[in-house]
Amino acid sequence: MNELPEVPKEFIEPLLLCFGLLQNASIYIYDTEKCIRKKYFHLILNMVTVGPYLCALTMYLGKVFRGELQRDELAYVMSIYVVSVQALLKAAIVRLKAKEIRAIILGMGSMWRTEGLTEVQISKKNALLKRLKFCYAVFYWMNIIGSWQYILASLLETVFRKFILQQECGLLLPFSCSFPFDPTGNWIRYISVYIFETYSMFRIIYSYLGTEFLMITMCSHLATLFTLLQEELLNNKPGNHVHLKVIIKTHQKLISLSEQLDDVFDKVIFVNLSSASISMCFFGLSAKVAHGAIPMANNFVAVVVLTLPLFNLCYYGEKLREASAGLADSVYNNIWYRGDTRYQQFLWFIMRRSQKPCCLTSLKYNPITLNTFTTVLSTTWSYFSLALSVYEDES
């Protein structure tokens, strides 16, 4: 049984929100679900809905490539397909790395301090936790509201046109899928398929949000520990070798945890970066070629919703890098010149190690910073311009 560790409440609370999102997609980091039957019922239900949904989406995408449907459909289907595959790949990686994630959480939780802190440390820690909480609220509600808007728009448009405007129109589904039957043959079948697509897509959304925020939260907690260590080092008195050795050991543990964190999430980040430009490009193209205000607004909101988690990831990657490198500044600002030679040598080693900052990477190659965010946006704009020019030439 993988039960929650005994760690401070302020440390585990943000992580519990991530676990709740992942649990909705039947991904369990810890055994928080006590009812085994309920747990496996949800797992089976998710498998028999998400699997067929992805197959139906793939079959419809194949029709577009075979020329059986209009090219305009490619932008609509490809954007949803890329996001779905991206979410499932990230969820699979997190599920396979659950043991390593538990080890990192336990390591950080055992180092998390709630007592013996200075006023400056308490202030900085509370500010970082408050910022993380705000980030989660904005991140979660924008994605949930945007998802419901995207999914319910087709149903609301169908009801409005048929019953308010009394127009003859087809029954609109939120996502274009290929089924072995006509999903719009009658109202019962239409509503059933609509519920099926909505339920399946929200399992994918929960996977997407859960993995993203788990990665961001763990990165934020690690940056917070580095920030607290900066103050410990800055306030260490010359000659206090015992406390300095404790700081050095803590620094080594944090470096090890940051390397473990990168080992777990470097593949998730690679999936993020490799698919973010494609999905945002196709959502942007869908907004451009949309034949109505509602589809245009839906796809524009989708671009914004996809941009936000990417920014959060790059922002907290930058924070981790700054916090680990900031130990060198603490060494510089310490009154090291009043210490003996041995004390100065200890500080020199800390400074040298801090000059190689800890960071998240994409497959151990590209460090994740705010420059990464601007690079992805630049690449997305290039893809969008190319796709738009090809579409206009064909039109």
Protein backbone atom coordinates (compact mmCIF):
# COMPACT_ATOMS: atom_id res chain seq x y z
CA MET A 1 0.00 0.00 0.00
CA ASN A 2 1.40 3.37 -1.06
CA GLU A 3 -0.13 5.67 1.52
CA LEU A 4 0.45 9.40 1.83
CA PRO A 5 3.64 10.24 3.76
CA GLU A 6 3.64 12.14 7.04
CA VAL A 7 4.71 15.57 5.80
CA PRO A 8 3.70 19.16 6.67
CA LYS A 9 0.18 20.13 5.62
CA GLU A 10 1.27 23.22 3.67
CA PHE A 11 3.61 21.00 1.64
CA ILE A 12 1.14 18.26 0.74
CA GLU A 13 -1.99 20.37 0.11
CA PRO A 14 -1.02 21.54 -3.40
CA LEU A 15 0.02 17.99 -4.28
CA LEU A 16 -3.34 16.61 -3.13
CA LEU A 17 -5.01 18.78 -5.78
CA CYS A 18 -2.80 17.17 -8.42
CA PHE A 19 -3.55 13.69 -7.11
CA GLY A 20 -7.28 14.46 -7.27
CA LEU A 21 -7.05 15.44 -10.94
CA LEU A 22 -5.02 12.35 -11.79
CA GLN A 23 -7.38 10.15 -9.82
CA ASN A 24 -10.24 11.28 -12.09
CA ALA A 25 -8.23 9.74 -14.92
CA SER A 26 -7.54 6.55 -12.91
CA ILE A 27 -3.89 7.45 -12.29
CA TYR A 28 -2.90 6.83 -8.67
CA ILE A 29 0.40 8.07 -7.26
CA TYR A 30 -0.78 7.10 -3.76
CA ASP A 31 -3.58 4.76 -2.73
CA THR A 32 -6.00 7.50 -1.68
CA GLU A 33 -9.03 5.55 -2.94
CA LYS A 34 -10.05 3.18 -0.14
CA CYS A 35 -12.78 1.36 -2.05
CA ILE A 36 -11.05 -1.14 -4.34
CA ARG A 37 -14.23 -1.90 -6.32
CA LYS A 38 -14.82 1.78 -7.02
CA LYS A 39 -11.21 2.22 -8.06
CA TYR A 40 -11.28 -0.61 -10.61
CA PHE A 41 -14.75 0.33 -11.81
CA HIS A 42 -13.49 3.80 -12.73
CA LEU A 43 -10.40 2.28 -14.37
CA ILE A 44 -12.46 -0.05 -16.56
CA LEU A 45 -14.97 2.69 -17.37
CA ASN A 46 -12.20 5.06 -18.44
CA MET A 47 -10.56 2.39 -20.58
CA VAL A 48 -13.78 1.44 -22.42
CA THR A 49 -14.57 5.11 -23.14
CA VAL A 50 -11.23 6.79 -23.85
CA GLY A 51 -9.94 3.89 -25.99
CA PRO A 52 -12.88 3.78 -28.43
CA TYR A 53 -13.05 7.58 -28.47
CA LEU A 54 -9.42 7.86 -29.56
CA CYS A 55 -9.96 5.13 -32.18
CA ALA A 56 -13.02 6.98 -33.55
CA LEU A 57 -11.01 10.20 -33.67
CA THR A 58 -8.15 8.42 -35.45
CA MET A 59 -10.50 6.90 -38.04
CA TYR A 60 -12.02 10.31 -38.77
CA LEU A 61 -8.54 11.81 -39.15
CA GLY A 62 -7.75 9.03 -41.64
CA LYS A 63 -10.74 10.09 -43.74
CA VAL A 64 -9.36 13.61 -43.94
CA PHE A 65 -5.97 12.39 -45.13
CA ARG A 66 -7.59 10.08 -47.69
CA GLY A 67 -9.41 13.06 -49.18
CA GLU A 68 -12.89 11.83 -48.24
CA LEU A 69 -13.56 15.07 -46.34
CA GLN A 70 -12.74 18.72 -46.85
CA ARG A 71 -9.27 20.00 -45.97
CA ASP A 72 -10.84 22.45 -43.51
CA GLU A 73 -11.62 19.47 -41.28
CA LEU A 74 -7.90 18.74 -40.89
CA ALA A 75 -7.35 21.79 -38.68
CA TYR A 76 -10.32 20.94 -36.44
CA VAL A 77 -9.47 17.26 -36.01
CA MET A 78 -5.68 17.49 -35.83
CA SER A 79 -5.71 20.01 -32.97
CA ILE A 80 -7.91 17.78 -30.79
CA TYR A 81 -6.02 14.66 -31.79
CA VAL A 82 -2.60 16.10 -30.90
CA VAL A 83 -3.80 17.32 -27.49
CA SER A 84 -5.41 13.93 -26.75
CA VAL A 85 -2.32 11.93 -27.68
CA GLN A 86 -0.11 14.39 -25.77
CA ALA A 87 -2.21 14.03 -22.61
CA LEU A 88 -2.24 10.22 -22.77
CA LEU A 89 1.52 10.00 -23.38
CA LYS A 90 2.25 12.25 -20.40
CA ALA A 91 -0.17 10.29 -18.21
CA ALA A 92 1.53 7.02 -19.19
CA ILE A 93 4.96 8.41 -18.29
CA VAL A 94 3.73 9.64 -14.90
CA ARG A 95 2.08 6.28 -14.20
CA LEU A 96 5.31 4.42 -15.03
CA LYS A 97 7.36 6.82 -12.90
CA ALA A 98 5.00 6.76 -9.89
CA LYS A 99 7.59 5.10 -7.63
CA GLU A 100 10.22 7.73 -8.44
CA ILE A 101 7.68 10.53 -7.91
CA ARG A 102 6.82 9.16 -4.46
CA ALA A 103 10.52 9.05 -3.57
CA ILE A 104 11.02 12.70 -4.59
CA ILE A 105 7.93 13.82 -2.67
CA LEU A 106 9.11 11.96 0.43
CA GLY A 107 12.57 13.49 0.08
CA MET A 108 11.28 17.04 -0.26
CA GLY A 109 8.67 16.52 2.46
CA SER A 110 11.30 15.37 4.95
CA MET A 111 13.32 18.55 4.26
CA TRP A 112 10.33 20.91 4.42
CA ARG A 113 10.61 23.14 7.47
CA THR A 114 7.82 24.82 9.40
CA GLU A 115 9.80 25.72 12.54
CA GLY A 116 13.03 27.53 13.28
CA LEU A 117 12.69 29.87 10.32
CA THR A 118 13.53 33.56 10.27
CA GLU A 119 10.89 36.14 9.44
CA VAL A 120 12.44 36.60 6.00
CA GLN A 121 12.29 32.86 5.33
CA ILE A 122 8.66 32.65 6.47
CA SER A 123 7.75 35.63 4.31
CA LYS A 124 9.44 34.18 1.21
CA LYS A 125 7.97 30.73 1.76
CA ASN A 126 4.43 32.06 2.22
CA ALA A 127 4.79 34.26 -0.87
CA LEU A 128 5.87 31.30 -3.00
CA LEU A 129 3.06 29.09 -1.68
CA LYS A 130 0.51 31.86 -2.27
CA ARG A 131 1.78 32.31 -5.81
CA LEU A 132 1.51 28.58 -6.42
CA LYS A 133 -2.06 28.55 -5.11
CA PHE A 134 -2.98 31.46 -7.37
CA CYS A 135 -1.32 29.74 -10.31
CA TYR A 136 -3.35 26.59 -9.67
CA ALA A 137 -6.64 28.51 -9.41
CA VAL A 138 -6.07 30.38 -12.68
CA PHE A 139 -4.67 27.31 -14.42
CA TYR A 140 -7.49 25.01 -13.30
CA TRP A 141 -10.49 27.26 -13.82
CA MET A 142 -9.37 28.64 -17.16
CA ASN A 143 -8.90 25.10 -18.48
CA ILE A 144 -12.15 23.76 -17.02
CA ILE A 145 -14.27 26.73 -18.13
CA GLY A 146 -12.60 26.76 -21.54
CA SER A 147 -13.18 23.01 -21.94
CA TRP A 148 -16.86 23.22 -20.99
CA GLN A 149 -17.31 26.15 -23.35
CA TYR A 150 -15.70 24.22 -26.21
CA ILE A 151 -17.74 21.07 -25.52
CA LEU A 152 -21.16 22.63 -24.85
CA ALA A 153 -21.03 25.16 -27.70
CA SER A 154 -22.20 22.61 -30.28
CA LEU A 155 -25.14 21.48 -28.13
CA LEU A 156 -26.23 25.05 -27.36
CA GLU A 157 -25.98 26.05 -31.01
CA THR A 158 -28.05 23.02 -32.07
CA VAL A 159 -30.78 23.72 -29.49
CA PHE A 160 -30.86 27.45 -30.28
CA ARG A 161 -31.13 26.97 -34.03
CA LYS A 162 -33.70 24.18 -33.89
CA PHE A 163 -35.98 25.37 -31.10
CA ILE A 164 -35.49 29.14 -30.98
CA LEU A 165 -34.83 30.08 -34.60
CA GLN A 166 -36.81 27.10 -35.97
CA GLN A 167 -34.10 26.39 -38.56
CA GLU A 168 -33.41 23.09 -40.29
CA CYS A 169 -29.90 22.07 -39.27
CA GLY A 170 -27.97 18.94 -38.44
CA LEU A 171 -27.23 17.81 -34.91
CA LEU A 172 -23.75 19.07 -33.99
CA LEU A 173 -21.28 17.08 -31.92
CA PRO A 174 -18.36 18.64 -30.01
CA PHE A 175 -15.73 16.49 -31.73
CA SER A 176 -15.56 14.97 -35.18
CA CYS A 177 -15.33 11.18 -34.85
CA SER A 178 -16.03 8.25 -37.13
CA PHE A 179 -18.59 5.77 -35.76
CA PRO A 180 -19.97 2.55 -37.32
CA PHE A 181 -23.45 4.10 -37.05
CA ASP A 182 -25.03 7.50 -37.59
CA PRO A 183 -24.58 9.35 -34.24
CA THR A 184 -27.15 11.98 -35.24
CA GLY A 185 -29.85 9.58 -36.41
CA ASN A 186 -32.18 10.50 -33.55
CA TRP A 187 -32.10 12.55 -30.37
CA ILE A 188 -31.47 9.61 -28.01
CA ARG A 189 -28.47 8.44 -30.02
CA TYR A 190 -27.24 12.02 -30.36
CA ILE A 191 -27.38 12.73 -26.62
CA SER A 192 -25.75 9.38 -25.83
CA VAL A 193 -22.84 10.04 -28.17
CA TYR A 194 -22.55 13.59 -26.85
CA ILE A 195 -22.23 12.28 -23.27
CA PHE A 196 -19.74 9.64 -24.43
CA GLU A 197 -17.50 12.23 -26.14
CA THR A 198 -17.78 14.63 -23.21
CA TYR A 199 -16.90 12.00 -20.61
CA SER A 200 -13.97 10.66 -22.67
CA MET A 201 -12.56 14.11 -23.37
CA PHE A 202 -12.71 15.11 -19.72
CA ARG A 203 -10.71 12.00 -18.75
CA ILE A 204 -8.07 13.25 -21.18
CA ILE A 205 -8.32 16.80 -19.80
CA TYR A 206 -7.84 15.52 -16.24
CA SER A 207 -4.75 13.60 -17.37
CA TYR A 208 -3.42 16.72 -19.06
CA LEU A 209 -4.05 19.04 -16.11
CA GLY A 210 -2.94 16.55 -13.46
CA THR A 211 0.46 15.82 -15.02
CA GLU A 212 1.09 19.49 -15.76
CA PHE A 213 0.30 20.75 -12.29
CA LEU A 214 2.11 17.88 -10.56
CA MET A 215 5.25 18.83 -12.45
CA ILE A 216 4.80 22.53 -11.69
CA THR A 217 4.07 21.94 -7.99
CA MET A 218 7.09 19.73 -7.42
CA CYS A 219 9.30 22.22 -9.24
CA SER A 220 7.88 25.07 -7.12
CA HIS A 221 8.47 23.17 -3.86
CA LEU A 222 12.06 22.44 -4.85
CA ALA A 223 12.65 26.11 -5.72
CA THR A 224 11.19 27.05 -2.31
CA LEU A 225 13.65 24.75 -0.53
CA PHE A 226 16.55 26.33 -2.44
CA THR A 227 15.24 29.80 -1.50
CA LEU A 228 15.13 28.90 2.20
CA LEU A 229 18.65 27.51 1.97
CA GLN A 230 19.85 30.81 0.50
CA GLU A 231 18.79 32.61 3.69
CA GLU A 232 20.40 29.91 5.85
CA LEU A 233 23.69 30.39 4.06
CA LEU A 234 23.47 34.19 4.05
CA ASN A 235 22.93 34.32 7.83
CA ASN A 236 25.54 31.72 8.73
CA LYS A 237 28.18 33.25 11.00
CA PRO A 238 31.87 32.87 10.09
CA GLY A 239 33.45 30.10 12.07
CA ASN A 240 30.22 28.13 12.47
CA HIS A 241 31.54 25.08 10.64
CA VAL A 242 28.95 22.69 12.09
CA HIS A 243 26.00 24.59 10.66
CA LEU A 244 27.83 25.16 7.38
CA LYS A 245 28.32 21.40 7.00
CA VAL A 246 24.57 20.93 7.51
CA ILE A 247 23.94 23.51 4.78
CA ILE A 248 26.33 21.70 2.44
CA LYS A 249 24.59 18.36 3.03
CA THR A 250 21.20 19.98 2.46
CA HIS A 251 22.51 21.53 -0.76
CA GLN A 252 23.73 18.15 -1.97
CA LYS A 253 20.35 16.57 -1.21
CA LEU A 254 18.52 19.32 -3.12
CA ILE A 255 20.82 18.87 -6.11
CA SER A 256 20.12 15.14 -6.04
CA LEU A 257 16.35 15.75 -5.83
CA SER A 258 16.49 18.18 -8.76
CA GLU A 259 18.31 15.57 -10.85
CA GLN A 260 15.71 12.96 -9.91
CA LEU A 261 12.92 15.39 -10.78
CA ASP A 262 14.46 15.99 -14.19
CA ASP A 263 14.87 12.23 -14.73
CA VAL A 264 11.13 11.79 -14.17
CA PHE A 265 9.80 14.72 -16.16
CA ASP A 266 12.31 15.33 -18.96
CA LYS A 267 10.31 13.06 -21.28
CA VAL A 268 7.03 14.73 -20.27
CA ILE A 269 8.58 18.10 -21.08
CA PHE A 270 9.78 16.78 -24.43
CA VAL A 271 6.24 15.69 -25.27
CA ASN A 272 5.01 19.12 -24.17
CA LEU A 273 7.43 21.11 -26.28
CA SER A 274 7.25 18.88 -29.35
CA SER A 275 3.45 18.98 -29.52
CA ALA A 276 2.64 22.44 -28.11
CA SER A 277 3.52 24.30 -31.30
CA ILE A 278 1.56 21.86 -33.47
CA SER A 279 -1.60 21.91 -31.33
CA MET A 280 -1.60 25.71 -30.92
CA CYS A 281 -0.92 26.13 -34.63
CA PHE A 282 -3.90 23.99 -35.64
CA PHE A 283 -6.21 25.59 -33.08
CA GLY A 284 -5.16 28.99 -34.43
CA LEU A 285 -5.76 27.81 -38.00
CA SER A 286 -9.16 26.46 -36.95
CA ALA A 287 -10.06 29.89 -35.57
CA LYS A 288 -8.93 31.50 -38.81
CA VAL A 289 -10.93 29.22 -41.12
CA ALA A 290 -13.99 28.97 -38.84
CA HIS A 291 -17.33 29.79 -40.48
CA GLY A 292 -18.98 31.26 -37.40
CA ALA A 293 -18.34 33.35 -34.32
CA ILE A 294 -18.77 30.44 -31.88
CA PRO A 295 -16.19 28.09 -33.48
CA MET A 296 -13.80 31.01 -33.85
CA ALA A 297 -14.15 31.93 -30.16
CA ASN A 298 -13.81 28.29 -29.08
CA ASN A 299 -10.55 27.80 -30.93
CA PHE A 300 -9.15 31.13 -29.79
CA VAL A 301 -9.88 30.18 -26.16
CA ALA A 302 -8.20 26.81 -26.79
CA VAL A 303 -5.00 28.59 -27.89
CA VAL A 304 -5.01 30.68 -24.70
CA VAL A 305 -5.71 27.63 -22.53
CA LEU A 306 -2.80 25.73 -24.09
CA THR A 307 -0.46 28.68 -23.73
CA LEU A 308 -1.04 29.05 -19.98
CA PRO A 309 0.37 25.69 -18.76
CA LEU A 310 3.36 26.09 -21.07
CA PHE A 311 4.08 29.50 -19.53
CA ASN A 312 3.69 28.09 -15.99
CA LEU A 313 6.14 25.30 -16.74
CA CYS A 314 8.74 27.69 -18.17
CA TYR A 315 8.17 30.18 -15.34
CA TYR A 316 8.75 27.63 -12.58
CA GLY A 317 11.67 26.13 -14.51
CA GLU A 318 13.18 29.63 -14.47
CA LYS A 319 12.43 29.96 -10.73
CA LEU A 320 14.21 26.68 -9.98
CA ARG A 321 17.21 27.78 -11.99
CA GLU A 322 17.35 31.17 -10.25
CA ALA A 323 16.88 29.70 -6.77
CA SER A 324 19.68 27.15 -7.17
CA ALA A 325 22.04 29.69 -8.75
CA GLY A 326 21.14 32.21 -6.03
CA LEU A 327 23.22 30.29 -3.50
CA ALA A 328 26.29 31.81 -5.14
CA ASP A 329 24.93 35.27 -4.34
CA SER A 330 24.35 34.22 -0.73
CA VAL A 331 27.98 33.13 -0.50
CA TYR A 332 29.11 36.46 -1.92
CA ASN A 333 26.94 38.45 0.51
CA ASN A 334 27.99 36.39 3.50
CA ILE A 335 30.69 37.97 5.67
CA TRP A 336 33.08 35.26 4.53
CA TYR A 337 36.13 37.51 4.86
CA ARG A 338 35.86 37.25 8.64
CA GLY A 339 36.10 33.48 8.58
CA ASP A 340 39.19 31.29 8.55
CA THR A 341 40.65 29.63 5.48
CA ARG A 342 38.70 26.39 6.00
CA TYR A 343 35.42 28.31 6.23
CA GLN A 344 36.24 30.19 3.02
CA GLN A 345 37.07 26.93 1.22
CA PHE A 346 33.67 25.48 2.14
CA LEU A 347 31.95 28.56 0.74
CA TRP A 348 34.10 28.41 -2.39
CA PHE A 349 32.92 24.85 -3.10
CA ILE A 350 29.27 25.90 -2.65
CA MET A 351 29.76 28.84 -5.01
CA ARG A 352 31.44 26.72 -7.67
CA ARG A 353 28.63 24.15 -7.58
CA SER A 354 25.96 26.86 -7.69
CA GLN A 355 27.43 28.23 -10.90
CA LYS A 356 25.97 25.14 -12.57
CA PRO A 357 22.31 25.77 -11.68
CA CYS A 358 19.76 22.99 -11.33
CA CYS A 359 17.01 23.03 -13.93
CA LEU A 360 14.41 20.97 -15.74
CA THR A 361 15.33 19.90 -19.24
CA SER A 362 13.83 18.39 -22.35
CA LEU A 363 15.51 14.99 -22.70
CA LYS A 364 18.62 16.32 -20.86
CA TYR A 365 19.28 18.72 -23.72
CA ASN A 366 17.42 22.01 -23.51
CA PRO A 367 17.05 23.74 -20.10
CA ILE A 368 13.53 25.02 -19.43
CA THR A 369 13.43 28.78 -18.83
CA LEU A 370 11.29 31.70 -19.96
CA ASN A 371 13.44 31.82 -23.10
CA THR A 372 11.99 28.41 -23.93
CA PHE A 373 8.50 29.90 -23.79
CA THR A 374 9.37 32.66 -26.26
CA THR A 375 11.06 30.12 -28.54
CA VAL A 376 7.94 27.92 -28.59
CA LEU A 377 5.71 30.91 -29.36
CA SER A 378 8.05 31.97 -32.16
CA THR A 379 8.02 28.44 -33.61
CA THR A 380 4.23 28.29 -33.32
CA TRP A 381 3.87 31.55 -35.23
CA SER A 382 6.16 30.22 -37.97
CA TYR A 383 4.09 27.02 -38.28
CA PHE A 384 0.86 29.03 -38.27
CA SER A 385 2.10 31.39 -40.99
CA LEU A 386 3.19 28.46 -43.14
CA ALA A 387 -0.07 26.54 -42.65
CA LEU A 388 -2.13 29.66 -43.35
CA SER A 389 -0.25 30.42 -46.55
CA VAL A 390 -0.72 26.83 -47.77
CA TYR A 391 -4.44 26.99 -46.95
CA GLU A 392 -4.88 30.32 -48.75
CA ASP A 393 -3.00 29.05 -51.81
CA GLU A 394 -5.25 25.98 -52.02
CA SER A 395 -8.36 28.13 -51.55
